[in-house]
Amino acid sequence: MSETKRQKQKALTRKHLTEIAIKQFGENGIIATRTSDISKAANVSHGTLFAHFSTQEELLIAVIEEFGTRITQRLHELVDTNSSLYEVLEAHIKGLIEFEPFYTRLIIERRLLPASASNTYIIIQSNISFHIGKAAEKEIDKSVIRKIPIHLIFNTWISLVHYYLTNGDLFSSNGSILKQYGDELLHHYISLITL
């Protein structure tokens, strides 16, 4: 059954609202951003926003899910094609760059968010961990990287990335931290775990 023009427009509006919310949450903070800020920035009525998302929490979950889908889809494709751990981590960094302001706010504010939003974030991190772990297991088996527990492979990587993002003001006064330091972090991390 093909989509009607109305269904297509509804899907486009929902996508537009999600994109605007990602931007607004990144610029102003997740907790501080109001639904009225998002509807104004999206150039739609406040009622239109609520026609697509019944609550602000539902909107936030949709935004986190959109972020997670885009990141994990890339990693899944790489793991399926037997890409190296380096390539998987590089894709992770590139994906995070696309969402850097939002993701930085998400990791800083996560404990203040509703449980459902926090749980969505945890599921995404678990999915990312799974894909990084799969790539690492292959390289451990080939004796490319040291035999390190898989949870430490992910936790050490994500800790390094999160440290730079949450302390971005210490490293750069403006611009993307991951664009500026991503390659350096990746090379440093790989050197720590490579035989």
C-alpha atoms as a PDB file:
ATOM      1  CA  MET A   1       0.000   0.000   0.000  1.00  0.00           C
ATOM      2  CA  SER A   2       1.549   3.281  -1.055  1.00  0.00           C
ATOM      3  CA  GLU A   3       1.754   6.274   1.224  1.00  0.00           C
ATOM      4  CA  THR A   4      -0.718   9.056   0.679  1.00  0.00           C
ATOM      5  CA  LYS A   5       0.452  12.616   0.200  1.00  0.00           C
ATOM      6  CA  ARG A   6      -0.781  13.403   3.729  1.00  0.00           C
ATOM      7  CA  GLN A   7       1.193  10.498   5.239  1.00  0.00           C
ATOM      8  CA  LYS A   8       4.349  11.601   3.422  1.00  0.00           C
ATOM      9  CA  GLN A   9       3.896  15.180   4.657  1.00  0.00           C
ATOM     10  CA  LYS A  10       3.326  13.947   8.202  1.00  0.00           C
ATOM     11  CA  ALA A  11       6.533  11.870   8.064  1.00  0.00           C
ATOM     12  CA  LEU A  12       8.484  14.845   6.684  1.00  0.00           C
ATOM     13  CA  THR A  13       7.162  17.141   9.414  1.00  0.00           C
ATOM     14  CA  ARG A  14       8.068  14.615  12.103  1.00  0.00           C
ATOM     15  CA  LYS A  15      11.577  14.265  10.656  1.00  0.00           C
ATOM     16  CA  HIS A  16      11.927  18.067  10.488  1.00  0.00           C
ATOM     17  CA  LEU A  17      10.863  18.416  14.128  1.00  0.00           C
ATOM     18  CA  THR A  18      13.344  15.726  15.157  1.00  0.00           C
ATOM     19  CA  GLU A  19      16.194  17.476  13.316  1.00  0.00           C
ATOM     20  CA  ILE A  20      15.306  20.839  14.854  1.00  0.00           C
ATOM     21  CA  ALA A  21      15.086  19.259  18.307  1.00  0.00           C
ATOM     22  CA  ILE A  22      18.557  17.724  17.881  1.00  0.00           C
ATOM     23  CA  LYS A  23      19.903  21.183  17.058  1.00  0.00           C
ATOM     24  CA  GLN A  24      18.021  22.967  19.853  1.00  0.00           C
ATOM     25  CA  PHE A  25      18.987  20.381  22.482  1.00  0.00           C
ATOM     26  CA  GLY A  26      22.615  20.679  21.385  1.00  0.00           C
ATOM     27  CA  GLU A  27      22.657  24.473  21.459  1.00  0.00           C
ATOM     28  CA  ASN A  28      20.613  25.151  24.581  1.00  0.00           C
ATOM     29  CA  GLY A  29      20.744  21.952  26.611  1.00  0.00           C
ATOM     30  CA  ILE A  30      18.204  19.176  26.834  1.00  0.00           C
ATOM     31  CA  ILE A  31      16.757  20.229  30.186  1.00  0.00           C
ATOM     32  CA  ALA A  32      16.596  23.936  29.286  1.00  0.00           C
ATOM     33  CA  THR A  33      14.978  23.517  25.855  1.00  0.00           C
ATOM     34  CA  ARG A  34      11.206  23.910  25.848  1.00  0.00           C
ATOM     35  CA  THR A  35       8.837  22.436  23.285  1.00  0.00           C
ATOM     36  CA  SER A  36       7.852  26.012  22.385  1.00  0.00           C
ATOM     37  CA  ASP A  37      11.519  26.719  21.517  1.00  0.00           C
ATOM     38  CA  ILE A  38      11.540  23.738  19.172  1.00  0.00           C
ATOM     39  CA  SER A  39       8.230  24.563  17.489  1.00  0.00           C
ATOM     40  CA  LYS A  40       9.324  28.197  17.002  1.00  0.00           C
ATOM     41  CA  ALA A  41      12.684  27.145  15.508  1.00  0.00           C
ATOM     42  CA  ALA A  42      10.870  24.630  13.280  1.00  0.00           C
ATOM     43  CA  ASN A  43       8.448  27.351  12.174  1.00  0.00           C
ATOM     44  CA  VAL A  44       5.407  25.280  13.160  1.00  0.00           C
ATOM     45  CA  SER A  45       2.700  25.792  15.752  1.00  0.00           C
ATOM     46  CA  HIS A  46       3.135  24.399  19.217  1.00  0.00           C
ATOM     47  CA  GLY A  47       0.082  22.217  18.534  1.00  0.00           C
ATOM     48  CA  THR A  48       1.744  20.731  15.465  1.00  0.00           C
ATOM     49  CA  LEU A  49       4.643  19.559  17.584  1.00  0.00           C
ATOM     50  CA  PHE A  50       2.240  17.871  19.994  1.00  0.00           C
ATOM     51  CA  ALA A  51       0.350  16.298  17.103  1.00  0.00           C
ATOM     52  CA  HIS A  52       3.562  14.391  16.327  1.00  0.00           C
ATOM     53  CA  PHE A  53       4.926  13.913  19.851  1.00  0.00           C
ATOM     54  CA  SER A  54       2.394  13.757  22.671  1.00  0.00           C
ATOM     55  CA  THR A  55       4.973  14.781  25.297  1.00  0.00           C
ATOM     56  CA  GLN A  56       8.402  16.395  25.442  1.00  0.00           C
ATOM     57  CA  GLU A  57       9.710  13.062  26.751  1.00  0.00           C
ATOM     58  CA  GLU A  58       8.386  11.280  23.660  1.00  0.00           C
ATOM     59  CA  LEU A  59      10.173  13.837  21.470  1.00  0.00           C
ATOM     60  CA  LEU A  60      13.414  13.392  23.407  1.00  0.00           C
ATOM     61  CA  ILE A  61      13.227   9.606  23.066  1.00  0.00           C
ATOM     62  CA  ALA A  62      12.637   9.978  19.303  1.00  0.00           C
ATOM     63  CA  VAL A  63      15.702  12.241  19.063  1.00  0.00           C
ATOM     64  CA  ILE A  64      17.893   9.807  21.026  1.00  0.00           C
ATOM     65  CA  GLU A  65      16.616   6.914  18.898  1.00  0.00           C
ATOM     66  CA  GLU A  66      17.389   8.838  15.681  1.00  0.00           C
ATOM     67  CA  PHE A  67      20.918   9.494  16.924  1.00  0.00           C
ATOM     68  CA  GLY A  68      21.309   5.828  17.899  1.00  0.00           C
ATOM     69  CA  THR A  69      19.959   4.486  14.623  1.00  0.00           C
ATOM     70  CA  ARG A  70      22.371   6.550  12.551  1.00  0.00           C
ATOM     71  CA  ILE A  71      25.405   5.637  14.654  1.00  0.00           C
ATOM     72  CA  THR A  72      24.718   1.921  15.065  1.00  0.00           C
ATOM     73  CA  GLN A  73      23.716   1.414  11.433  1.00  0.00           C
ATOM     74  CA  ARG A  74      27.181   2.517  10.305  1.00  0.00           C
ATOM     75  CA  LEU A  75      28.910   0.301  12.841  1.00  0.00           C
ATOM     76  CA  HIS A  76      26.735  -2.678  11.969  1.00  0.00           C
ATOM     77  CA  GLU A  77      27.639  -2.371   8.280  1.00  0.00           C
ATOM     78  CA  LEU A  78      31.343  -2.234   9.101  1.00  0.00           C
ATOM     79  CA  VAL A  79      31.268  -5.232  11.443  1.00  0.00           C
ATOM     80  CA  ASP A  80      29.382  -7.231   8.802  1.00  0.00           C
ATOM     81  CA  THR A  81      32.098  -6.479   6.240  1.00  0.00           C
ATOM     82  CA  ASN A  82      34.915  -7.561   8.578  1.00  0.00           C
ATOM     83  CA  SER A  83      36.276  -4.054   9.001  1.00  0.00           C
ATOM     84  CA  SER A  84      39.082  -3.498  11.481  1.00  0.00           C
ATOM     85  CA  LEU A  85      38.563  -2.165  14.974  1.00  0.00           C
ATOM     86  CA  TYR A  86      40.296   1.009  13.822  1.00  0.00           C
ATOM     87  CA  GLU A  87      37.720   1.456  11.038  1.00  0.00           C
ATOM     88  CA  VAL A  88      34.822   0.818  13.422  1.00  0.00           C
ATOM     89  CA  LEU A  89      36.149   3.354  15.940  1.00  0.00           C
ATOM     90  CA  GLU A  90      36.805   5.839  13.150  1.00  0.00           C
ATOM     91  CA  ALA A  91      33.176   5.462  12.000  1.00  0.00           C
ATOM     92  CA  HIS A  92      32.058   5.941  15.595  1.00  0.00           C
ATOM     93  CA  ILE A  93      33.963   9.232  15.811  1.00  0.00           C
ATOM     94  CA  LYS A  94      32.578  10.414  12.454  1.00  0.00           C
ATOM     95  CA  GLY A  95      29.047   9.568  13.560  1.00  0.00           C
ATOM     96  CA  LEU A  96      29.509  11.410  16.838  1.00  0.00           C
ATOM     97  CA  ILE A  97      30.824  14.482  14.996  1.00  0.00           C
ATOM     98  CA  GLU A  98      27.500  14.706  13.160  1.00  0.00           C
ATOM     99  CA  PHE A  99      25.687  14.911  16.527  1.00  0.00           C
ATOM    100  CA  GLU A 100      28.460  16.373  18.674  1.00  0.00           C
ATOM    101  CA  PRO A 101      26.604  19.266  20.363  1.00  0.00           C
ATOM    102  CA  PHE A 102      23.559  17.076  21.098  1.00  0.00           C
ATOM    103  CA  TYR A 103      25.627  14.073  22.190  1.00  0.00           C
ATOM    104  CA  THR A 104      27.747  16.225  24.498  1.00  0.00           C
ATOM    105  CA  ARG A 105      24.594  17.555  26.174  1.00  0.00           C
ATOM    106  CA  LEU A 106      23.204  14.029  26.354  1.00  0.00           C
ATOM    107  CA  ILE A 107      26.200  12.613  28.207  1.00  0.00           C
ATOM    108  CA  ILE A 108      26.362  15.613  30.556  1.00  0.00           C
ATOM    109  CA  GLU A 109      22.616  15.744  31.316  1.00  0.00           C
ATOM    110  CA  ARG A 110      21.716  12.038  31.103  1.00  0.00           C
ATOM    111  CA  ARG A 111      21.282  11.552  34.856  1.00  0.00           C
ATOM    112  CA  LEU A 112      18.773  14.425  34.922  1.00  0.00           C
ATOM    113  CA  LEU A 113      16.608  12.978  32.160  1.00  0.00           C
ATOM    114  CA  PRO A 114      13.471  10.889  32.589  1.00  0.00           C
ATOM    115  CA  ALA A 115      14.207   7.184  33.100  1.00  0.00           C
ATOM    116  CA  SER A 116      12.770   6.258  29.691  1.00  0.00           C
ATOM    117  CA  ALA A 117      15.149   8.640  27.890  1.00  0.00           C
ATOM    118  CA  SER A 118      18.092   7.486  29.971  1.00  0.00           C
ATOM    119  CA  ASN A 119      17.207   3.845  29.259  1.00  0.00           C
ATOM    120  CA  THR A 120      17.062   4.575  25.510  1.00  0.00           C
ATOM    121  CA  TYR A 121      20.560   6.062  25.749  1.00  0.00           C
ATOM    122  CA  ILE A 122      21.807   2.972  27.632  1.00  0.00           C
ATOM    123  CA  ILE A 123      20.375   0.642  24.967  1.00  0.00           C
ATOM    124  CA  ILE A 124      22.187   2.610  22.257  1.00  0.00           C
ATOM    125  CA  GLN A 125      25.473   2.510  24.171  1.00  0.00           C
ATOM    126  CA  SER A 126      25.041  -1.255  24.602  1.00  0.00           C
ATOM    127  CA  ASN A 127      24.508  -1.618  20.867  1.00  0.00           C
ATOM    128  CA  ILE A 128      27.614   0.444  20.111  1.00  0.00           C
ATOM    129  CA  SER A 129      29.569  -1.609  22.654  1.00  0.00           C
ATOM    130  CA  PHE A 130      28.405  -4.826  20.977  1.00  0.00           C
ATOM    131  CA  HIS A 131      29.665  -3.712  17.552  1.00  0.00           C
ATOM    132  CA  ILE A 132      32.992  -2.449  18.877  1.00  0.00           C
ATOM    133  CA  GLY A 133      33.348  -5.689  20.855  1.00  0.00           C
ATOM    134  CA  LYS A 134      32.729  -7.827  17.753  1.00  0.00           C
ATOM    135  CA  ALA A 135      35.468  -6.002  15.840  1.00  0.00           C
ATOM    136  CA  ALA A 136      37.822  -6.267  18.841  1.00  0.00           C
ATOM    137  CA  GLU A 137      37.204 -10.016  19.294  1.00  0.00           C
ATOM    138  CA  LYS A 138      38.283 -10.667  15.702  1.00  0.00           C
ATOM    139  CA  GLU A 139      41.503  -8.738  16.241  1.00  0.00           C
ATOM    140  CA  ILE A 140      42.195 -10.413  19.582  1.00  0.00           C
ATOM    141  CA  ASP A 141      41.796 -13.788  17.853  1.00  0.00           C
ATOM    142  CA  LYS A 142      44.283 -12.690  15.169  1.00  0.00           C
ATOM    143  CA  SER A 143      46.690 -11.381  17.846  1.00  0.00           C
ATOM    144  CA  VAL A 144      46.473  -7.855  16.455  1.00  0.00           C
ATOM    145  CA  ILE A 145      45.410  -6.320  19.752  1.00  0.00           C
ATOM    146  CA  ARG A 146      46.115  -7.397  23.312  1.00  0.00           C
ATOM    147  CA  LYS A 147      43.778  -9.798  25.058  1.00  0.00           C
ATOM    148  CA  ILE A 148      41.744  -7.318  27.078  1.00  0.00           C
ATOM    149  CA  PRO A 149      38.260  -7.987  28.453  1.00  0.00           C
ATOM    150  CA  ILE A 150      35.770  -6.727  25.856  1.00  0.00           C
ATOM    151  CA  HIS A 151      33.947  -4.512  28.350  1.00  0.00           C
ATOM    152  CA  LEU A 152      37.220  -2.700  29.065  1.00  0.00           C
ATOM    153  CA  ILE A 153      37.869  -2.237  25.338  1.00  0.00           C
ATOM    154  CA  PHE A 154      34.600  -0.307  25.044  1.00  0.00           C
ATOM    155  CA  ASN A 155      34.658   1.402  28.440  1.00  0.00           C
ATOM    156  CA  THR A 156      38.183   2.728  27.946  1.00  0.00           C
ATOM    157  CA  TRP A 157      37.336   4.012  24.463  1.00  0.00           C
ATOM    158  CA  ILE A 158      34.094   5.684  25.474  1.00  0.00           C
ATOM    159  CA  SER A 159      35.715   7.168  28.590  1.00  0.00           C
ATOM    160  CA  LEU A 160      38.379   8.813  26.474  1.00  0.00           C
ATOM    161  CA  VAL A 161      35.807  10.231  24.056  1.00  0.00           C
ATOM    162  CA  HIS A 162      33.504  11.380  26.857  1.00  0.00           C
ATOM    163  CA  TYR A 163      36.360  13.021  28.756  1.00  0.00           C
ATOM    164  CA  TYR A 164      37.221  15.185  25.763  1.00  0.00           C
ATOM    165  CA  LEU A 165      33.589  16.031  25.009  1.00  0.00           C
ATOM    166  CA  THR A 166      32.566  16.915  28.553  1.00  0.00           C
ATOM    167  CA  ASN A 167      35.706  18.990  29.073  1.00  0.00           C
ATOM    168  CA  GLY A 168      35.684  20.563  25.628  1.00  0.00           C
ATOM    169  CA  ASP A 169      36.211  24.027  27.058  1.00  0.00           C
ATOM    170  CA  LEU A 170      39.662  22.886  28.227  1.00  0.00           C
ATOM    171  CA  PHE A 171      40.686  21.789  24.743  1.00  0.00           C
ATOM    172  CA  SER A 172      39.063  24.222  22.345  1.00  0.00           C
ATOM    173  CA  SER A 173      37.188  27.470  22.755  1.00  0.00           C
ATOM    174  CA  ASN A 174      35.042  26.834  19.692  1.00  0.00           C
ATOM    175  CA  GLY A 175      34.375  24.248  17.052  1.00  0.00           C
ATOM    176  CA  SER A 176      34.195  20.504  17.139  1.00  0.00           C
ATOM    177  CA  ILE A 177      36.367  18.766  19.711  1.00  0.00           C
ATOM    178  CA  LEU A 178      36.153  15.503  17.788  1.00  0.00           C
ATOM    179  CA  LYS A 179      37.092  17.105  14.467  1.00  0.00           C
ATOM    180  CA  GLN A 180      40.094  18.652  16.162  1.00  0.00           C
ATOM    181  CA  TYR A 181      41.168  15.709  18.344  1.00  0.00           C
ATOM    182  CA  GLY A 182      39.377  12.638  16.946  1.00  0.00           C
ATOM    183  CA  ASP A 183      42.288  11.284  14.892  1.00  0.00           C
ATOM    184  CA  GLU A 184      44.709  11.844  17.748  1.00  0.00           C
ATOM    185  CA  LEU A 185      42.412  10.073  20.227  1.00  0.00           C
ATOM    186  CA  LEU A 186      41.911   7.180  17.828  1.00  0.00           C
ATOM    187  CA  HIS A 187      45.647   6.705  17.163  1.00  0.00           C
ATOM    188  CA  HIS A 188      46.471   7.000  20.865  1.00  0.00           C
ATOM    189  CA  TYR A 189      43.825   4.483  21.866  1.00  0.00           C
ATOM    190  CA  ILE A 190      44.845   1.960  19.195  1.00  0.00           C
ATOM    191  CA  SER A 191      48.495   2.284  20.284  1.00  0.00           C
ATOM    192  CA  LEU A 192      47.468   1.411  23.850  1.00  0.00           C
ATOM    193  CA  ILE A 193      45.778  -1.856  22.891  1.00  0.00           C
ATOM    194  CA  THR A 194      47.885  -3.021  19.924  1.00  0.00           C
ATOM    195  CA  LEU A 195      50.485  -5.744  20.392  1.00  0.00           C
END
